[in-house]
Amino acid sequence: MKKDSQMFVEISKNDDLLIPKLFFNTLMRFGFISSIERLVDQKMVADEYNGCSFPGDLDAGEVPFEGIKFRYIDDEIIVDETTFRSLLKEACEGFIKHHPAHEESVRQVLKRIGG
C-alpha cells in the first residue's frame, strides 16, 4: 500500500500499538467508511490476514476476552475501549487528510462514538 494512502505513516516496530495501526492501514481494501461504520457498531472487520473483533463476535467454544482484539498476520493484541476510540479517531483523521472529499461522511460516523 502506498504511504500516501495510509492512515498511520510513521510506525515504529517497537510501537506497542503496531498491530492495530497496521490493521487500520489495511482498511482501504475493505472500504474505509463502511469499515469504520462496522467498527463503531462493534462488528468485526476482517480477512484471512488481519482483523478487528469484539467479544460479541465470538463463536461457541472460542476463548472469551474483554476489550477489542486486533489481529495482523500471526500477531494479535487486545486493547481497551479508550485506546480503540483513540486509534479509530486518529485513523479517521489520516483518512480525511488523504481524502478530504469524504470528511463529512467520516465525521458523521465519528459522531456516533462522540468524536
C-alpha atoms as a PDB file:
ATOM      1  CA  MET A   1       0.000   0.000   0.000  1.00  0.00           C
ATOM      2  CA  LYS A   2       1.279   3.426  -0.890  1.00  0.00           C
ATOM      3  CA  LYS A   3       2.362   5.557   2.064  1.00  0.00           C
ATOM      4  CA  ASP A   4       0.263   8.481   0.865  1.00  0.00           C
ATOM      5  CA  SER A   5      -2.917   6.459   1.455  1.00  0.00           C
ATOM      6  CA  GLN A   6      -2.007   5.044   4.858  1.00  0.00           C
ATOM      7  CA  MET A   7      -3.722   6.291   7.991  1.00  0.00           C
ATOM      8  CA  PHE A   8      -0.593   5.752  10.116  1.00  0.00           C
ATOM      9  CA  VAL A   9       2.519   6.585   8.097  1.00  0.00           C
ATOM     10  CA  GLU A  10       5.283   6.570  10.699  1.00  0.00           C
ATOM     11  CA  ILE A  11       5.051   3.379  12.732  1.00  0.00           C
ATOM     12  CA  SER A  12       7.939   2.053  14.771  1.00  0.00           C
ATOM     13  CA  LYS A  13       8.380  -1.704  15.021  1.00  0.00           C
ATOM     14  CA  ASN A  14       8.663  -1.122  18.779  1.00  0.00           C
ATOM     15  CA  ASP A  15       5.301   0.674  18.954  1.00  0.00           C
ATOM     16  CA  ASP A  16       3.007  -1.022  21.488  1.00  0.00           C
ATOM     17  CA  LEU A  17       0.115  -0.323  19.134  1.00  0.00           C
ATOM     18  CA  LEU A  18       1.836  -1.575  15.978  1.00  0.00           C
ATOM     19  CA  ILE A  19      -0.760  -4.284  15.274  1.00  0.00           C
ATOM     20  CA  PRO A  20      -3.858  -2.030  15.398  1.00  0.00           C
ATOM     21  CA  LYS A  21      -2.093   0.658  13.378  1.00  0.00           C
ATOM     22  CA  LEU A  22      -1.166  -1.854  10.684  1.00  0.00           C
ATOM     23  CA  PHE A  23      -4.771  -3.074  10.709  1.00  0.00           C
ATOM     24  CA  PHE A  24      -6.124   0.445  10.187  1.00  0.00           C
ATOM     25  CA  ASN A  25      -3.696   0.914   7.302  1.00  0.00           C
ATOM     26  CA  THR A  26      -5.357  -2.028   5.520  1.00  0.00           C
ATOM     27  CA  LEU A  27      -8.888  -0.630   5.734  1.00  0.00           C
ATOM     28  CA  MET A  28      -8.689   0.883   2.264  1.00  0.00           C
ATOM     29  CA  ARG A  29      -9.004  -2.668   0.916  1.00  0.00           C
ATOM     30  CA  PHE A  30     -12.297  -3.159   2.765  1.00  0.00           C
ATOM     31  CA  GLY A  31     -13.700   0.288   2.021  1.00  0.00           C
ATOM     32  CA  PHE A  32     -12.733   2.728   4.743  1.00  0.00           C
ATOM     33  CA  ILE A  33     -16.071   4.346   5.531  1.00  0.00           C
ATOM     34  CA  SER A  34     -18.076   1.110   5.543  1.00  0.00           C
ATOM     35  CA  SER A  35     -15.365  -0.440   7.737  1.00  0.00           C
ATOM     36  CA  ILE A  36     -15.426   2.316  10.334  1.00  0.00           C
ATOM     37  CA  GLU A  37     -19.226   2.117  10.385  1.00  0.00           C
ATOM     38  CA  ARG A  38     -18.951  -1.579  11.263  1.00  0.00           C
ATOM     39  CA  LEU A  39     -16.285  -0.879  13.889  1.00  0.00           C
ATOM     40  CA  VAL A  40     -18.367   1.862  15.518  1.00  0.00           C
ATOM     41  CA  ASP A  41     -21.237  -0.662  15.673  1.00  0.00           C
ATOM     42  CA  GLN A  42     -18.790  -3.129  17.264  1.00  0.00           C
ATOM     43  CA  LYS A  43     -18.966  -5.542  14.363  1.00  0.00           C
ATOM     44  CA  MET A  44     -15.940  -7.454  13.157  1.00  0.00           C
ATOM     45  CA  VAL A  45     -13.938  -6.319  10.144  1.00  0.00           C
ATOM     46  CA  ALA A  46     -11.504  -8.987   8.995  1.00  0.00           C
ATOM     47  CA  ASP A  47      -9.994 -11.019   6.221  1.00  0.00           C
ATOM     48  CA  GLU A  48      -7.731 -14.043   6.368  1.00  0.00           C
ATOM     49  CA  TYR A  49      -4.679 -11.959   7.367  1.00  0.00           C
ATOM     50  CA  ASN A  50      -5.892  -9.265   9.736  1.00  0.00           C
ATOM     51  CA  GLY A  51      -8.921  -8.079  11.602  1.00  0.00           C
ATOM     52  CA  CYS A  52     -10.601  -6.307  14.437  1.00  0.00           C
ATOM     53  CA  SER A  53     -13.135  -8.168  16.556  1.00  0.00           C
ATOM     54  CA  PHE A  54     -15.276  -7.666  19.629  1.00  0.00           C
ATOM     55  CA  PRO A  55     -16.393 -10.022  22.400  1.00  0.00           C
ATOM     56  CA  GLY A  56     -19.819 -10.326  20.740  1.00  0.00           C
ATOM     57  CA  ASP A  57     -18.193 -11.781  17.614  1.00  0.00           C
ATOM     58  CA  LEU A  58     -17.119 -14.984  19.347  1.00  0.00           C
ATOM     59  CA  ASP A  59     -18.326 -18.332  18.105  1.00  0.00           C
ATOM     60  CA  ALA A  60     -19.209 -21.109  20.532  1.00  0.00           C
ATOM     61  CA  GLY A  61     -16.069 -22.590  22.069  1.00  0.00           C
ATOM     62  CA  GLU A  62     -13.837 -19.573  21.433  1.00  0.00           C
ATOM     63  CA  VAL A  63     -11.932 -18.115  24.361  1.00  0.00           C
ATOM     64  CA  PRO A  64     -13.697 -15.002  25.704  1.00  0.00           C
ATOM     65  CA  PHE A  65     -11.832 -11.711  26.016  1.00  0.00           C
ATOM     66  CA  GLU A  66     -12.518  -8.199  27.255  1.00  0.00           C
ATOM     67  CA  GLY A  67     -11.760  -5.241  25.034  1.00  0.00           C
ATOM     68  CA  ILE A  68     -11.174  -5.079  21.302  1.00  0.00           C
ATOM     69  CA  LYS A  69      -8.916  -7.605  19.597  1.00  0.00           C
ATOM     70  CA  PHE A  70      -6.727  -6.646  16.665  1.00  0.00           C
ATOM     71  CA  ARG A  71      -5.004  -9.265  14.540  1.00  0.00           C
ATOM     72  CA  TYR A  72      -2.328  -8.673  11.925  1.00  0.00           C
ATOM     73  CA  ILE A  73      -0.964 -11.783  10.218  1.00  0.00           C
ATOM     74  CA  ASP A  74       0.111 -14.023  13.149  1.00  0.00           C
ATOM     75  CA  ASP A  75       0.131 -11.398  15.905  1.00  0.00           C
ATOM     76  CA  GLU A  76      -2.700 -10.050  17.986  1.00  0.00           C
ATOM     77  CA  ILE A  77      -3.334  -7.577  20.753  1.00  0.00           C
ATOM     78  CA  ILE A  78      -6.349  -6.686  22.871  1.00  0.00           C
ATOM     79  CA  VAL A  79      -6.873  -3.014  23.672  1.00  0.00           C
ATOM     80  CA  ASP A  80      -9.358  -1.248  25.908  1.00  0.00           C
ATOM     81  CA  GLU A  81     -12.265   0.871  24.643  1.00  0.00           C
ATOM     82  CA  THR A  82     -10.436   4.165  25.206  1.00  0.00           C
ATOM     83  CA  THR A  83      -7.422   3.056  23.162  1.00  0.00           C
ATOM     84  CA  PHE A  84      -9.695   1.708  20.435  1.00  0.00           C
ATOM     85  CA  ARG A  85     -11.576   5.009  20.152  1.00  0.00           C
ATOM     86  CA  SER A  86      -8.335   6.985  20.083  1.00  0.00           C
ATOM     87  CA  LEU A  87      -6.896   4.811  17.302  1.00  0.00           C
ATOM     88  CA  LEU A  88     -10.129   4.961  15.336  1.00  0.00           C
ATOM     89  CA  LYS A  89     -10.238   8.752  15.552  1.00  0.00           C
ATOM     90  CA  GLU A  90      -6.572   9.033  14.560  1.00  0.00           C
ATOM     91  CA  ALA A  91      -7.119   6.711  11.599  1.00  0.00           C
ATOM     92  CA  CYS A  92     -10.104   8.801  10.523  1.00  0.00           C
ATOM     93  CA  GLU A  93      -8.045  11.990  10.672  1.00  0.00           C
ATOM     94  CA  GLY A  94      -5.404  10.307   8.494  1.00  0.00           C
ATOM     95  CA  PHE A  95      -8.082   9.226   6.023  1.00  0.00           C
ATOM     96  CA  ILE A  96      -9.558  12.736   5.855  1.00  0.00           C
ATOM     97  CA  LYS A  97      -6.097  14.158   5.196  1.00  0.00           C
ATOM     98  CA  HIS A  98      -5.789  11.992   2.086  1.00  0.00           C
ATOM     99  CA  HIS A  99      -9.478  12.056   1.095  1.00  0.00           C
ATOM    100  CA  PRO A 100     -10.912  15.458   2.076  1.00  0.00           C
ATOM    101  CA  ALA A 101     -13.991  14.937  -0.107  1.00  0.00           C
ATOM    102  CA  HIS A 102     -15.164  12.282   2.371  1.00  0.00           C
ATOM    103  CA  GLU A 103     -14.692  14.385   5.508  1.00  0.00           C
ATOM    104  CA  GLU A 104     -18.400  14.917   6.194  1.00  0.00           C
ATOM    105  CA  SER A 105     -19.185  11.193   5.878  1.00  0.00           C
ATOM    106  CA  VAL A 106     -16.358  10.254   8.223  1.00  0.00           C
ATOM    107  CA  ARG A 107     -17.317  12.921  10.765  1.00  0.00           C
ATOM    108  CA  GLN A 108     -20.914  11.660  10.768  1.00  0.00           C
ATOM    109  CA  VAL A 109     -19.692   8.168  11.688  1.00  0.00           C
ATOM    110  CA  LEU A 110     -17.376   9.549  14.388  1.00  0.00           C
ATOM    111  CA  LYS A 111     -20.285  11.447  15.984  1.00  0.00           C
ATOM    112  CA  ARG A 112     -21.770   8.061  16.865  1.00  0.00           C
ATOM    113  CA  ILE A 113     -18.891   7.463  19.291  1.00  0.00           C
ATOM    114  CA  GLY A 114     -18.695  11.034  20.497  1.00  0.00           C
ATOM    115  CA  GLY A 115     -15.882  12.065  18.174  1.00  0.00           C
END
